[in-house]
């Protein structure tokens, strides 16, 4: 549900490696997608207390694929 607290572990690639980022946040929106065998969700997360270096890694990745 919206505003649920969530804990995430993400592997974010950069030019040389994968970076493990651990974050907490709240679900702001979601969309259910029906796959052939399962249901999937795309979610929007408002991150809380994310260190600036990790925030920049996520932003760089988002800009690369937007």
C-alpha atoms as a PDB file:
ATOM      1  CA  UNK A   1       0.000   0.000   0.000  1.00  0.00           C
ATOM      2  CA  UNK A   2       1.000   3.647  -0.446  1.00  0.00           C
ATOM      3  CA  UNK A   3       3.118   5.107   2.376  1.00  0.00           C
ATOM      4  CA  UNK A   4       4.302   1.636   3.430  1.00  0.00           C
ATOM      5  CA  UNK A   5       7.859   1.557   4.734  1.00  0.00           C
ATOM      6  CA  UNK A   6      10.260  -0.463   2.611  1.00  0.00           C
ATOM      7  CA  UNK A   7      13.874  -1.627   2.919  1.00  0.00           C
ATOM      8  CA  UNK A   8      15.818  -2.095  -0.304  1.00  0.00           C
ATOM      9  CA  UNK A   9      19.075  -3.656  -1.404  1.00  0.00           C
ATOM     10  CA  UNK A  10      20.069  -2.555  -4.902  1.00  0.00           C
ATOM     11  CA  UNK A  11      23.014  -3.391  -7.127  1.00  0.00           C
ATOM     12  CA  UNK A  12      23.887  -0.192  -8.997  1.00  0.00           C
ATOM     13  CA  UNK A  13      26.475  -0.515 -11.786  1.00  0.00           C
ATOM     14  CA  UNK A  14      29.090   2.109 -12.510  1.00  0.00           C
ATOM     15  CA  UNK A  15      31.943   2.161 -15.025  1.00  0.00           C
ATOM     16  CA  UNK A  16      33.968  -0.514 -13.239  1.00  0.00           C
ATOM     17  CA  UNK A  17      31.818  -2.532 -10.825  1.00  0.00           C
ATOM     18  CA  UNK A  18      28.519  -3.134  -9.054  1.00  0.00           C
ATOM     19  CA  UNK A  19      27.770  -1.159  -5.908  1.00  0.00           C
ATOM     20  CA  UNK A  20      25.493  -2.541  -3.196  1.00  0.00           C
ATOM     21  CA  UNK A  21      23.230   0.193  -1.866  1.00  0.00           C
ATOM     22  CA  UNK A  22      20.998  -0.353   1.136  1.00  0.00           C
ATOM     23  CA  UNK A  23      18.186   2.114   1.596  1.00  0.00           C
ATOM     24  CA  UNK A  24      14.926   2.700   3.397  1.00  0.00           C
ATOM     25  CA  UNK A  25      11.968   4.645   2.138  1.00  0.00           C
ATOM     26  CA  UNK A  26       8.235   4.911   1.657  1.00  0.00           C
ATOM     27  CA  UNK A  27       6.174   3.696  -1.281  1.00  0.00           C
ATOM     28  CA  UNK A  28       4.675   6.736  -3.030  1.00  0.00           C
ATOM     29  CA  UNK A  29       2.985   5.035  -5.985  1.00  0.00           C
ATOM     30  CA  UNK A  30       2.733   1.642  -7.597  1.00  0.00           C
ATOM     31  CA  UNK A  31       1.469   0.028 -10.764  1.00  0.00           C
ATOM     32  CA  UNK A  32       0.565  -3.632 -11.104  1.00  0.00           C
ATOM     33  CA  UNK A  33       1.601  -5.413 -14.287  1.00  0.00           C
ATOM     34  CA  UNK A  34       0.202  -8.809 -15.156  1.00  0.00           C
ATOM     35  CA  UNK A  35       2.842 -11.082 -16.578  1.00  0.00           C
ATOM     36  CA  UNK A  36       2.216 -14.373 -18.270  1.00  0.00           C
ATOM     37  CA  UNK A  37       2.580 -16.362 -15.040  1.00  0.00           C
ATOM     38  CA  UNK A  38       2.912 -13.764 -12.266  1.00  0.00           C
ATOM     39  CA  UNK A  39       1.885 -10.289 -11.225  1.00  0.00           C
ATOM     40  CA  UNK A  40       4.626  -7.675 -11.036  1.00  0.00           C
ATOM     41  CA  UNK A  41       4.730  -4.230  -9.464  1.00  0.00           C
ATOM     42  CA  UNK A  42       6.580  -1.099 -10.474  1.00  0.00           C
ATOM     43  CA  UNK A  43       6.955   1.191  -7.477  1.00  0.00           C
ATOM     44  CA  UNK A  44       7.978   4.766  -6.807  1.00  0.00           C
ATOM     45  CA  UNK A  45       9.990   5.139  -3.607  1.00  0.00           C
ATOM     46  CA  UNK A  46      10.774   8.230  -1.551  1.00  0.00           C
ATOM     47  CA  UNK A  47      14.162   7.424  -0.044  1.00  0.00           C
ATOM     48  CA  UNK A  48      14.919   8.454   3.534  1.00  0.00           C
ATOM     49  CA  UNK A  49      18.372   9.284   4.870  1.00  0.00           C
ATOM     50  CA  UNK A  50      20.267   8.196   1.761  1.00  0.00           C
ATOM     51  CA  UNK A  51      23.950   9.214   1.872  1.00  0.00           C
ATOM     52  CA  UNK A  52      24.843  11.757  -0.833  1.00  0.00           C
ATOM     53  CA  UNK A  53      27.370   9.475  -2.572  1.00  0.00           C
ATOM     54  CA  UNK A  54      24.784   6.705  -2.938  1.00  0.00           C
ATOM     55  CA  UNK A  55      22.146   9.204  -4.050  1.00  0.00           C
ATOM     56  CA  UNK A  56      24.461  10.386  -6.837  1.00  0.00           C
ATOM     57  CA  UNK A  57      25.015   6.791  -8.025  1.00  0.00           C
ATOM     58  CA  UNK A  58      21.258   6.286  -8.356  1.00  0.00           C
ATOM     59  CA  UNK A  59      20.841   9.626 -10.154  1.00  0.00           C
ATOM     60  CA  UNK A  60      23.609   8.795 -12.651  1.00  0.00           C
ATOM     61  CA  UNK A  61      22.001   5.440 -13.401  1.00  0.00           C
ATOM     62  CA  UNK A  62      18.558   7.040 -13.813  1.00  0.00           C
ATOM     63  CA  UNK A  63      19.927   9.675 -16.213  1.00  0.00           C
ATOM     64  CA  UNK A  64      21.640   6.977 -18.261  1.00  0.00           C
ATOM     65  CA  UNK A  65      18.418   5.010 -18.837  1.00  0.00           C
ATOM     66  CA  UNK A  66      15.654   7.639 -18.752  1.00  0.00           C
END
